[in-house]
C-alpha atoms as a PDB file:
ATOM      1  CA  MET A   1      -3.827 138.378-152.439  1.00  0.00           C
ATOM      2  CA  LYS A   2      -6.954 139.792-154.050  1.00  0.00           C
ATOM      3  CA  GLN A   3     -10.651 139.107-154.375  1.00  0.00           C
ATOM      4  CA  LYS A   4     -11.762 137.182-157.423  1.00  0.00           C
ATOM      5  CA  LYS A   5     -13.511 139.297-160.033  1.00  0.00           C
ATOM      6  CA  GLY A   6     -17.257 139.169-160.315  1.00  0.00           C
ATOM      7  CA  LEU A   7     -17.986 138.639-156.618  1.00  0.00           C
ATOM      8  CA  VAL A   8     -19.966 141.225-154.677  1.00  0.00           C
ATOM      9  CA  LEU A   9     -21.190 141.650-151.127  1.00  0.00           C
ATOM     10  CA  ARG A  10     -24.940 142.088-150.850  1.00  0.00           C
ATOM     11  CA  ASP A  11     -27.510 142.317-148.075  1.00  0.00           C
ATOM     12  CA  VAL A  12     -30.103 139.597-148.664  1.00  0.00           C
ATOM     13  CA  CYS A  13     -32.959 139.426-146.164  1.00  0.00           C
ATOM     14  CA  GLY A  14     -30.775 140.949-143.469  1.00  0.00           C
ATOM     15  CA  GLU A  15     -27.842 138.588-144.125  1.00  0.00           C
ATOM     16  CA  LYS A  16     -24.532 139.668-145.626  1.00  0.00           C
ATOM     17  CA  VAL A  17     -23.702 137.359-148.549  1.00  0.00           C
ATOM     18  CA  ILE A  18     -21.142 137.157-151.307  1.00  0.00           C
ATOM     19  CA  ILE A  19     -22.651 136.347-154.677  1.00  0.00           C
ATOM     20  CA  GLY A  20     -21.335 136.160-158.205  1.00  0.00           C
ATOM     21  CA  GLU A  21     -22.310 138.745-160.797  1.00  0.00           C
ATOM     22  CA  GLY A  22     -21.609 138.900-164.490  1.00  0.00           C
ATOM     23  CA  LEU A  23     -19.812 136.557-166.834  1.00  0.00           C
ATOM     24  CA  GLU A  24     -16.642 136.357-164.720  1.00  0.00           C
ATOM     25  CA  ALA A  25     -18.595 134.658-161.939  1.00  0.00           C
ATOM     26  CA  ILE A  26     -20.603 132.261-164.078  1.00  0.00           C
ATOM     27  CA  ASN A  27     -19.070 129.227-162.345  1.00  0.00           C
ATOM     28  CA  PHE A  28     -19.825 130.580-158.874  1.00  0.00           C
ATOM     29  CA  GLY A  29     -23.296 129.170-158.262  1.00  0.00           C
ATOM     30  CA  ARG A  30     -23.661 129.733-154.540  1.00  0.00           C
ATOM     31  CA  LEU A  31     -24.157 132.269-151.779  1.00  0.00           C
ATOM     32  CA  LEU A  32     -21.628 132.647-148.991  1.00  0.00           C
ATOM     33  CA  CYS A  33     -22.964 134.078-145.743  1.00  0.00           C
ATOM     34  CA  LEU A  34     -20.604 136.286-143.743  1.00  0.00           C
ATOM     35  CA  ASN A  35     -20.824 137.518-140.192  1.00  0.00           C
ATOM     36  CA  ASP A  36     -20.606 141.267-139.623  1.00  0.00           C
ATOM     37  CA  THR A  37     -16.843 141.298-139.067  1.00  0.00           C
ATOM     38  CA  ALA A  38     -16.082 139.165-142.118  1.00  0.00           C
ATOM     39  CA  ALA A  39     -18.408 141.321-144.242  1.00  0.00           C
ATOM     40  CA  TRP A  40     -16.701 144.484-142.979  1.00  0.00           C
ATOM     41  CA  LEU A  41     -13.283 143.009-143.802  1.00  0.00           C
ATOM     42  CA  TRP A  42     -14.501 141.921-147.261  1.00  0.00           C
ATOM     43  CA  GLN A  43     -15.605 145.492-147.922  1.00  0.00           C
ATOM     44  CA  LYS A  44     -12.240 146.861-146.760  1.00  0.00           C
ATOM     45  CA  ALA A  45     -10.401 144.322-148.945  1.00  0.00           C
ATOM     46  CA  SER A  46     -12.554 145.309-151.933  1.00  0.00           C
ATOM     47  CA  GLU A  47     -11.280 148.873-151.566  1.00  0.00           C
ATOM     48  CA  MET A  48      -7.709 147.629-152.124  1.00  0.00           C
ATOM     49  CA  GLU A  49      -6.312 146.248-155.348  1.00  0.00           C
ATOM     50  CA  GLU A  50      -4.395 143.641-153.342  1.00  0.00           C
ATOM     51  CA  PHE A  51      -4.305 142.929-149.630  1.00  0.00           C
ATOM     52  CA  SER A  52      -2.415 140.880-147.095  1.00  0.00           C
ATOM     53  CA  ILE A  53      -3.535 139.259-143.874  1.00  0.00           C
ATOM     54  CA  LYS A  54      -1.309 141.705-141.975  1.00  0.00           C
ATOM     55  CA  GLU A  55      -2.916 144.732-143.672  1.00  0.00           C
ATOM     56  CA  LEU A  56      -6.429 143.522-142.856  1.00  0.00           C
ATOM     57  CA  ALA A  57      -5.395 142.675-139.282  1.00  0.00           C
ATOM     58  CA  ASP A  58      -4.045 146.217-138.843  1.00  0.00           C
ATOM     59  CA  ILE A  59      -7.321 147.675-140.130  1.00  0.00           C
ATOM     60  CA  LEU A  60      -9.331 145.407-137.809  1.00  0.00           C
ATOM     61  CA  TYR A  61      -7.143 146.361-134.834  1.00  0.00           C
ATOM     62  CA  GLU A  62      -7.613 150.081-135.545  1.00  0.00           C
ATOM     63  CA  GLU A  63     -11.402 149.779-135.829  1.00  0.00           C
ATOM     64  CA  TYR A  64     -12.325 147.254-133.130  1.00  0.00           C
ATOM     65  CA  ASP A  65     -11.434 146.795-129.477  1.00  0.00           C
ATOM     66  CA  VAL A  66      -9.128 143.802-129.955  1.00  0.00           C
ATOM     67  CA  THR A  67      -5.457 143.142-129.369  1.00  0.00           C
ATOM     68  CA  PRO A  68      -3.111 143.026-132.372  1.00  0.00           C
ATOM     69  CA  GLU A  69      -2.700 139.281-131.790  1.00  0.00           C
ATOM     70  CA  GLN A  70      -6.459 138.682-131.723  1.00  0.00           C
ATOM     71  CA  ALA A  71      -6.920 140.766-134.869  1.00  0.00           C
ATOM     72  CA  LEU A  72      -4.235 138.742-136.647  1.00  0.00           C
ATOM     73  CA  ASN A  73      -5.758 135.426-135.501  1.00  0.00           C
ATOM     74  CA  ASP A  74      -9.273 136.466-136.546  1.00  0.00           C
ATOM     75  CA  VAL A  75      -8.177 137.719-139.967  1.00  0.00           C
ATOM     76  CA  THR A  76      -6.067 134.610-140.537  1.00  0.00           C
ATOM     77  CA  ASP A  77      -9.120 132.433-139.838  1.00  0.00           C
ATOM     78  CA  ILE A  78     -11.417 134.507-142.044  1.00  0.00           C
ATOM     79  CA  VAL A  79      -8.998 134.618-144.978  1.00  0.00           C
ATOM     80  CA  ALA A  80      -8.429 130.853-144.689  1.00  0.00           C
ATOM     81  CA  LYS A  81     -12.182 130.378-145.108  1.00  0.00           C
ATOM     82  CA  TRP A  82     -12.153 132.718-148.125  1.00  0.00           C
ATOM     83  CA  GLN A  83      -9.325 130.676-149.626  1.00  0.00           C
ATOM     84  CA  GLU A  84     -11.197 127.433-148.970  1.00  0.00           C
ATOM     85  CA  ALA A  85     -14.259 128.887-150.700  1.00  0.00           C
ATOM     86  CA  GLN A  86     -11.999 130.022-153.563  1.00  0.00           C
ATOM     87  CA  ILE A  87     -13.166 133.623-153.492  1.00  0.00           C
ATOM     88  CA  VAL A  88      -9.658 135.099-153.175  1.00  0.00           C
ATOM     89  CA  GLU A  89      -6.522 134.432-155.167  1.00  0.00           C
END
């Protein structure tokens, strides 16, 4: 899976949001607010050409004090929301 082109993470008034930039994101006319963990994962995913839920869960597990199962559950939930918002493909 990968992030759709033209979407960037920005800090707007202290909130982490994904917004569209450039011609590739012309049909993305909204802001998506992310919590700190989701924003951190979005940044990590943006550093990869493609990513999987398992890869992001491993990264989350290594960085935060969570069990591997909790990391996998959290990432699964976050990525499902990204899919619902159509910001990953």
